[in-house]
């Protein structure tokens, strides 16, 4: 398992890896268009996150269509002024209209309210109250999932990847060391599903002593 803190990186290698990651996700037309349109939703602290990004990379590296087998495209935002389910549902309705015609499903989640439903959905108690969207990324199950991008006000693509993108580029799945209380059975079920879709994926097994029982989606 990784150390709890990210080890020092070779800055030149990190810059090169980040550039390659951004190049590869730009081959998915849905990701490109979502990044372009997302600011129109007017939601605070919004990011395109996780699966639609690293799975695009894995598809391209495998020689497949960039959009292959991507279940949905996740958008995170953070609005602590309105943590109601109704507000989040409204954000999803507006996103469905804005991104209609892209041929993909969108899932918009307010990270300010995740602690209110996480235990019920995943069967694991103790999920922390978050303070910003990237806190949600820091609590993903695996390091390869911990990636997010957004378009800045000047049109630049900003990348958030607290452990870098090497695991994505090298097709490695390992537990997130920042989330030791993660539902290990959910991790293992995702690993089984993803390895069936991307056979070259190298999976580090979740430590048996740390496996908690939860529900996978």
C-alpha atoms as a PDB file:
ATOM      1  CA  UNK A   1       0.000   0.000   0.000  1.00  0.00           C
ATOM      2  CA  UNK A   2       1.187   3.548  -0.660  1.00  0.00           C
ATOM      3  CA  UNK A   3       2.571   5.756   2.065  1.00  0.00           C
ATOM      4  CA  UNK A   4      -0.032   8.164   3.516  1.00  0.00           C
ATOM      5  CA  UNK A   5       1.796  11.112   1.982  1.00  0.00           C
ATOM      6  CA  UNK A   6       2.740  11.461  -1.638  1.00  0.00           C
ATOM      7  CA  UNK A   7       6.468  10.838  -2.200  1.00  0.00           C
ATOM      8  CA  UNK A   8       8.601  13.522  -3.830  1.00  0.00           C
ATOM      9  CA  UNK A   9       8.216  13.426  -7.588  1.00  0.00           C
ATOM     10  CA  UNK A  10      10.473  14.155 -10.502  1.00  0.00           C
ATOM     11  CA  UNK A  11       9.000  17.477 -11.592  1.00  0.00           C
ATOM     12  CA  UNK A  12       9.897  17.047 -15.250  1.00  0.00           C
ATOM     13  CA  UNK A  13       8.363  13.568 -15.299  1.00  0.00           C
ATOM     14  CA  UNK A  14       5.251  14.828 -13.528  1.00  0.00           C
ATOM     15  CA  UNK A  15       4.783  17.605 -16.084  1.00  0.00           C
ATOM     16  CA  UNK A  16       5.240  15.123 -18.935  1.00  0.00           C
ATOM     17  CA  UNK A  17       2.799  12.624 -17.392  1.00  0.00           C
ATOM     18  CA  UNK A  18       0.193  15.305 -16.749  1.00  0.00           C
ATOM     19  CA  UNK A  19       0.470  16.515 -20.344  1.00  0.00           C
ATOM     20  CA  UNK A  20       0.039  12.974 -21.649  1.00  0.00           C
ATOM     21  CA  UNK A  21      -2.971  12.415 -19.396  1.00  0.00           C
ATOM     22  CA  UNK A  22      -4.610  15.611 -20.661  1.00  0.00           C
ATOM     23  CA  UNK A  23      -3.830  14.666 -24.258  1.00  0.00           C
ATOM     24  CA  UNK A  24      -5.461  11.268 -23.862  1.00  0.00           C
ATOM     25  CA  UNK A  25      -8.660  12.461 -22.171  1.00  0.00           C
ATOM     26  CA  UNK A  26      -9.031  15.072 -24.934  1.00  0.00           C
ATOM     27  CA  UNK A  27      -9.544  12.176 -27.352  1.00  0.00           C
ATOM     28  CA  UNK A  28     -12.952  11.574 -25.746  1.00  0.00           C
ATOM     29  CA  UNK A  29     -15.348  14.035 -27.451  1.00  0.00           C
ATOM     30  CA  UNK A  30     -17.826  13.824 -24.564  1.00  0.00           C
ATOM     31  CA  UNK A  31     -15.178  14.878 -22.032  1.00  0.00           C
ATOM     32  CA  UNK A  32     -14.133  17.784 -24.258  1.00  0.00           C
ATOM     33  CA  UNK A  33     -17.700  19.005 -24.673  1.00  0.00           C
ATOM     34  CA  UNK A  34     -18.583  18.576 -20.994  1.00  0.00           C
ATOM     35  CA  UNK A  35     -15.530  20.624 -20.003  1.00  0.00           C
ATOM     36  CA  UNK A  36     -16.607  23.302 -22.475  1.00  0.00           C
ATOM     37  CA  UNK A  37     -20.241  23.481 -21.345  1.00  0.00           C
ATOM     38  CA  UNK A  38     -19.949  22.770 -17.598  1.00  0.00           C
ATOM     39  CA  UNK A  39     -19.406  26.415 -16.557  1.00  0.00           C
ATOM     40  CA  UNK A  40     -22.812  27.203 -18.060  1.00  0.00           C
ATOM     41  CA  UNK A  41     -24.420  25.320 -15.163  1.00  0.00           C
ATOM     42  CA  UNK A  42     -23.201  28.017 -12.793  1.00  0.00           C
ATOM     43  CA  UNK A  43     -22.457  25.538 -10.030  1.00  0.00           C
ATOM     44  CA  UNK A  44     -19.688  26.402  -7.548  1.00  0.00           C
ATOM     45  CA  UNK A  45     -16.383  24.512  -7.392  1.00  0.00           C
ATOM     46  CA  UNK A  46     -17.290  22.207 -10.279  1.00  0.00           C
ATOM     47  CA  UNK A  47     -15.018  19.428 -11.548  1.00  0.00           C
ATOM     48  CA  UNK A  48     -15.305  16.570 -14.055  1.00  0.00           C
ATOM     49  CA  UNK A  49     -14.017  13.616 -12.086  1.00  0.00           C
ATOM     50  CA  UNK A  50     -12.714  10.077 -11.968  1.00  0.00           C
ATOM     51  CA  UNK A  51     -14.159   7.248 -14.054  1.00  0.00           C
ATOM     52  CA  UNK A  52     -14.838   9.073 -17.312  1.00  0.00           C
ATOM     53  CA  UNK A  53     -11.233  10.315 -17.208  1.00  0.00           C
ATOM     54  CA  UNK A  54      -9.144   7.300 -16.222  1.00  0.00           C
ATOM     55  CA  UNK A  55     -11.347   4.938 -18.210  1.00  0.00           C
ATOM     56  CA  UNK A  56     -10.916   7.115 -21.295  1.00  0.00           C
ATOM     57  CA  UNK A  57      -7.141   6.756 -20.855  1.00  0.00           C
ATOM     58  CA  UNK A  58      -7.394   2.991 -20.430  1.00  0.00           C
ATOM     59  CA  UNK A  59      -9.573   2.725 -23.535  1.00  0.00           C
ATOM     60  CA  UNK A  60      -7.134   4.697 -25.667  1.00  0.00           C
ATOM     61  CA  UNK A  61      -4.137   2.742 -24.374  1.00  0.00           C
ATOM     62  CA  UNK A  62      -5.979  -0.498 -25.207  1.00  0.00           C
ATOM     63  CA  UNK A  63      -6.718   0.695 -28.736  1.00  0.00           C
ATOM     64  CA  UNK A  64     -10.457   0.964 -28.086  1.00  0.00           C
ATOM     65  CA  UNK A  65     -12.906   3.804 -28.679  1.00  0.00           C
ATOM     66  CA  UNK A  66     -12.359   6.456 -25.976  1.00  0.00           C
ATOM     67  CA  UNK A  67     -15.998   6.259 -24.823  1.00  0.00           C
ATOM     68  CA  UNK A  68     -16.165   2.456 -24.580  1.00  0.00           C
ATOM     69  CA  UNK A  69     -17.747   1.016 -21.397  1.00  0.00           C
ATOM     70  CA  UNK A  70     -17.897   4.340 -19.537  1.00  0.00           C
ATOM     71  CA  UNK A  71     -20.978   4.009 -17.340  1.00  0.00           C
ATOM     72  CA  UNK A  72     -21.483   7.717 -16.709  1.00  0.00           C
ATOM     73  CA  UNK A  73     -19.714  11.057 -16.492  1.00  0.00           C
ATOM     74  CA  UNK A  74     -19.441  12.397 -12.959  1.00  0.00           C
ATOM     75  CA  UNK A  75     -19.476  16.095 -12.094  1.00  0.00           C
ATOM     76  CA  UNK A  76     -18.766  17.309  -8.580  1.00  0.00           C
ATOM     77  CA  UNK A  77     -19.690  20.692  -7.163  1.00  0.00           C
ATOM     78  CA  UNK A  78     -19.762  22.131  -3.660  1.00  0.00           C
ATOM     79  CA  UNK A  79     -22.665  24.190  -2.357  1.00  0.00           C
ATOM     80  CA  UNK A  80     -23.054  24.126   1.412  1.00  0.00           C
ATOM     81  CA  UNK A  81     -25.781  26.787   1.224  1.00  0.00           C
ATOM     82  CA  UNK A  82     -28.237  24.213  -0.140  1.00  0.00           C
ATOM     83  CA  UNK A  83     -27.622  20.565   0.726  1.00  0.00           C
ATOM     84  CA  UNK A  84     -31.097  19.417  -0.195  1.00  0.00           C
ATOM     85  CA  UNK A  85     -31.740  16.422  -2.401  1.00  0.00           C
ATOM     86  CA  UNK A  86     -34.099  18.569  -4.445  1.00  0.00           C
ATOM     87  CA  UNK A  87     -31.363  21.079  -5.304  1.00  0.00           C
ATOM     88  CA  UNK A  88     -29.048  18.308  -6.452  1.00  0.00           C
ATOM     89  CA  UNK A  89     -31.832  16.754  -8.501  1.00  0.00           C
ATOM     90  CA  UNK A  90     -32.428  20.122 -10.145  1.00  0.00           C
ATOM     91  CA  UNK A  91     -28.721  20.339 -11.003  1.00  0.00           C
ATOM     92  CA  UNK A  92     -28.965  16.920 -12.633  1.00  0.00           C
ATOM     93  CA  UNK A  93     -32.035  17.950 -14.640  1.00  0.00           C
ATOM     94  CA  UNK A  94     -30.285  21.055 -15.917  1.00  0.00           C
ATOM     95  CA  UNK A  95     -27.166  19.041 -16.759  1.00  0.00           C
ATOM     96  CA  UNK A  96     -29.235  16.484 -18.677  1.00  0.00           C
ATOM     97  CA  UNK A  97     -30.657  19.307 -20.795  1.00  0.00           C
ATOM     98  CA  UNK A  98     -27.325  21.065 -21.274  1.00  0.00           C
ATOM     99  CA  UNK A  99     -25.481  17.907 -22.295  1.00  0.00           C
ATOM    100  CA  UNK A 100     -28.251  16.290 -24.297  1.00  0.00           C
ATOM    101  CA  UNK A 101     -27.075  14.799 -27.546  1.00  0.00           C
ATOM    102  CA  UNK A 102     -23.661  13.741 -26.249  1.00  0.00           C
ATOM    103  CA  UNK A 103     -24.663  10.089 -26.020  1.00  0.00           C
ATOM    104  CA  UNK A 104     -23.680   9.679 -22.370  1.00  0.00           C
ATOM    105  CA  UNK A 105     -25.183   9.711 -18.889  1.00  0.00           C
ATOM    106  CA  UNK A 106     -24.331  12.504 -16.434  1.00  0.00           C
ATOM    107  CA  UNK A 107     -24.260  12.250 -12.633  1.00  0.00           C
ATOM    108  CA  UNK A 108     -23.949  15.563 -10.779  1.00  0.00           C
ATOM    109  CA  UNK A 109     -23.198  15.370  -7.051  1.00  0.00           C
ATOM    110  CA  UNK A 110     -23.033  18.124  -4.443  1.00  0.00           C
ATOM    111  CA  UNK A 111     -20.086  17.159  -2.255  1.00  0.00           C
ATOM    112  CA  UNK A 112     -21.476  19.252   0.593  1.00  0.00           C
ATOM    113  CA  UNK A 113     -24.152  16.588   1.181  1.00  0.00           C
ATOM    114  CA  UNK A 114     -22.290  13.299   0.606  1.00  0.00           C
ATOM    115  CA  UNK A 115     -22.016  12.622   4.344  1.00  0.00           C
ATOM    116  CA  UNK A 116     -25.837  12.597   4.534  1.00  0.00           C
ATOM    117  CA  UNK A 117     -26.268   9.598   2.215  1.00  0.00           C
ATOM    118  CA  UNK A 118     -22.953   7.731   1.963  1.00  0.00           C
ATOM    119  CA  UNK A 119     -23.645   5.246   4.765  1.00  0.00           C
ATOM    120  CA  UNK A 120     -27.069   4.359   3.350  1.00  0.00           C
ATOM    121  CA  UNK A 121     -25.775   3.925  -0.202  1.00  0.00           C
ATOM    122  CA  UNK A 122     -22.501   2.118   0.531  1.00  0.00           C
ATOM    123  CA  UNK A 123     -23.157   0.539   3.933  1.00  0.00           C
ATOM    124  CA  UNK A 124     -20.169   2.135   5.673  1.00  0.00           C
ATOM    125  CA  UNK A 125     -20.433   4.672   8.499  1.00  0.00           C
ATOM    126  CA  UNK A 126     -18.087   7.527   9.304  1.00  0.00           C
ATOM    127  CA  UNK A 127     -17.809   9.354   5.980  1.00  0.00           C
ATOM    128  CA  UNK A 128     -16.469  12.838   6.800  1.00  0.00           C
ATOM    129  CA  UNK A 129     -18.237  16.130   6.240  1.00  0.00           C
ATOM    130  CA  UNK A 130     -16.448  17.665   3.250  1.00  0.00           C
ATOM    131  CA  UNK A 131     -15.393  21.290   2.785  1.00  0.00           C
ATOM    132  CA  UNK A 132     -14.747  21.423  -0.967  1.00  0.00           C
ATOM    133  CA  UNK A 133     -15.216  19.298  -4.066  1.00  0.00           C
ATOM    134  CA  UNK A 134     -11.666  17.961  -4.106  1.00  0.00           C
ATOM    135  CA  UNK A 135     -12.245  16.490  -0.624  1.00  0.00           C
ATOM    136  CA  UNK A 136     -14.564  14.028  -2.344  1.00  0.00           C
ATOM    137  CA  UNK A 137     -11.803  13.063  -4.764  1.00  0.00           C
ATOM    138  CA  UNK A 138      -9.448  12.535  -1.817  1.00  0.00           C
ATOM    139  CA  UNK A 139     -11.902   9.939  -0.474  1.00  0.00           C
ATOM    140  CA  UNK A 140     -12.172   7.749  -3.572  1.00  0.00           C
ATOM    141  CA  UNK A 141     -11.463   4.042  -3.205  1.00  0.00           C
ATOM    142  CA  UNK A 142      -8.368   3.837  -5.409  1.00  0.00           C
ATOM    143  CA  UNK A 143      -5.491   6.107  -6.388  1.00  0.00           C
ATOM    144  CA  UNK A 144      -6.306   5.751 -10.089  1.00  0.00           C
ATOM    145  CA  UNK A 145      -9.743   7.230  -9.367  1.00  0.00           C
ATOM    146  CA  UNK A 146      -8.278  10.356  -7.766  1.00  0.00           C
ATOM    147  CA  UNK A 147      -8.235  12.575 -10.844  1.00  0.00           C
ATOM    148  CA  UNK A 148     -10.344  15.574 -11.839  1.00  0.00           C
ATOM    149  CA  UNK A 149     -10.262  18.362 -14.397  1.00  0.00           C
ATOM    150  CA  UNK A 150     -12.038  21.639 -14.986  1.00  0.00           C
ATOM    151  CA  UNK A 151     -11.808  24.574 -17.359  1.00  0.00           C
ATOM    152  CA  UNK A 152     -10.690  27.809 -15.736  1.00  0.00           C
ATOM    153  CA  UNK A 153     -12.102  31.256 -16.487  1.00  0.00           C
ATOM    154  CA  UNK A 154      -9.244  31.845 -18.942  1.00  0.00           C
ATOM    155  CA  UNK A 155      -9.857  28.551 -20.754  1.00  0.00           C
ATOM    156  CA  UNK A 156      -6.981  26.567 -19.265  1.00  0.00           C
ATOM    157  CA  UNK A 157      -7.587  22.960 -18.186  1.00  0.00           C
ATOM    158  CA  UNK A 158      -6.791  22.567 -14.499  1.00  0.00           C
ATOM    159  CA  UNK A 159      -5.845  19.076 -13.283  1.00  0.00           C
ATOM    160  CA  UNK A 160      -6.285  17.812  -9.737  1.00  0.00           C
ATOM    161  CA  UNK A 161      -4.451  14.559  -8.998  1.00  0.00           C
ATOM    162  CA  UNK A 162      -3.054  14.404  -5.446  1.00  0.00           C
ATOM    163  CA  UNK A 163      -1.046  11.237  -6.155  1.00  0.00           C
ATOM    164  CA  UNK A 164      -0.283  12.092  -9.763  1.00  0.00           C
ATOM    165  CA  UNK A 165      -1.487  10.279 -12.869  1.00  0.00           C
ATOM    166  CA  UNK A 166       1.121   7.537 -13.100  1.00  0.00           C
ATOM    167  CA  UNK A 167      -1.270   4.853 -11.848  1.00  0.00           C
ATOM    168  CA  UNK A 168      -3.734   5.813 -14.573  1.00  0.00           C
ATOM    169  CA  UNK A 169      -1.111   5.804 -17.320  1.00  0.00           C
ATOM    170  CA  UNK A 170       0.403   2.537 -16.076  1.00  0.00           C
ATOM    171  CA  UNK A 171      -3.024   0.916 -15.618  1.00  0.00           C
ATOM    172  CA  UNK A 172      -2.600   0.216 -11.912  1.00  0.00           C
ATOM    173  CA  UNK A 173      -5.376   0.059  -9.314  1.00  0.00           C
ATOM    174  CA  UNK A 174      -4.314   0.312  -5.677  1.00  0.00           C
ATOM    175  CA  UNK A 175      -6.130   1.340  -2.489  1.00  0.00           C
ATOM    176  CA  UNK A 176      -6.251   5.003  -1.541  1.00  0.00           C
ATOM    177  CA  UNK A 177      -3.972   5.390   1.510  1.00  0.00           C
ATOM    178  CA  UNK A 178      -5.891   8.499   2.567  1.00  0.00           C
ATOM    179  CA  UNK A 179      -9.057   6.414   3.027  1.00  0.00           C
ATOM    180  CA  UNK A 180      -8.080   3.444   5.224  1.00  0.00           C
ATOM    181  CA  UNK A 181     -11.704   2.910   6.315  1.00  0.00           C
ATOM    182  CA  UNK A 182     -12.942   2.507   2.767  1.00  0.00           C
ATOM    183  CA  UNK A 183     -15.397  -0.330   2.018  1.00  0.00           C
ATOM    184  CA  UNK A 184     -12.894  -2.938   0.854  1.00  0.00           C
ATOM    185  CA  UNK A 185     -15.492  -5.234  -0.652  1.00  0.00           C
ATOM    186  CA  UNK A 186     -16.645  -2.362  -2.882  1.00  0.00           C
ATOM    187  CA  UNK A 187     -13.023  -1.901  -3.947  1.00  0.00           C
ATOM    188  CA  UNK A 188     -12.683  -5.596  -4.764  1.00  0.00           C
ATOM    189  CA  UNK A 189     -15.933  -5.696  -6.744  1.00  0.00           C
ATOM    190  CA  UNK A 190     -14.885  -2.669  -8.772  1.00  0.00           C
ATOM    191  CA  UNK A 191     -11.500  -4.297  -9.380  1.00  0.00           C
ATOM    192  CA  UNK A 192     -13.159  -7.450 -10.693  1.00  0.00           C
ATOM    193  CA  UNK A 193     -15.468  -5.488 -12.994  1.00  0.00           C
ATOM    194  CA  UNK A 194     -12.734  -3.225 -14.309  1.00  0.00           C
ATOM    195  CA  UNK A 195     -10.270  -6.041 -14.910  1.00  0.00           C
ATOM    196  CA  UNK A 196     -12.922  -7.792 -16.998  1.00  0.00           C
ATOM    197  CA  UNK A 197     -13.200  -4.652 -19.134  1.00  0.00           C
ATOM    198  CA  UNK A 198      -9.486  -3.781 -19.159  1.00  0.00           C
ATOM    199  CA  UNK A 199      -7.543  -7.075 -18.826  1.00  0.00           C
ATOM    200  CA  UNK A 200      -4.183  -5.285 -18.683  1.00  0.00           C
ATOM    201  CA  UNK A 201      -5.164  -3.607 -15.410  1.00  0.00           C
ATOM    202  CA  UNK A 202      -2.812  -4.469 -12.551  1.00  0.00           C
ATOM    203  CA  UNK A 203      -4.742  -4.654  -9.281  1.00  0.00           C
ATOM    204  CA  UNK A 204      -3.301  -4.418  -5.801  1.00  0.00           C
ATOM    205  CA  UNK A 205      -5.609  -6.404  -3.536  1.00  0.00           C
ATOM    206  CA  UNK A 206      -7.231  -4.503  -0.710  1.00  0.00           C
ATOM    207  CA  UNK A 207      -5.610  -5.662   2.582  1.00  0.00           C
ATOM    208  CA  UNK A 208      -7.802  -8.391   4.051  1.00  0.00           C
ATOM    209  CA  UNK A 209      -7.450  -6.989   7.554  1.00  0.00           C
ATOM    210  CA  UNK A 210      -8.885  -3.667   6.394  1.00  0.00           C
ATOM    211  CA  UNK A 211     -11.848  -4.920   4.374  1.00  0.00           C
ATOM    212  CA  UNK A 212     -15.130  -3.449   5.533  1.00  0.00           C
ATOM    213  CA  UNK A 213     -18.448  -4.719   4.332  1.00  0.00           C
ATOM    214  CA  UNK A 214     -20.325  -2.269   2.155  1.00  0.00           C
ATOM    215  CA  UNK A 215     -22.467  -2.110  -0.936  1.00  0.00           C
ATOM    216  CA  UNK A 216     -21.010  -1.530  -4.392  1.00  0.00           C
ATOM    217  CA  UNK A 217     -22.736   0.435  -7.127  1.00  0.00           C
END
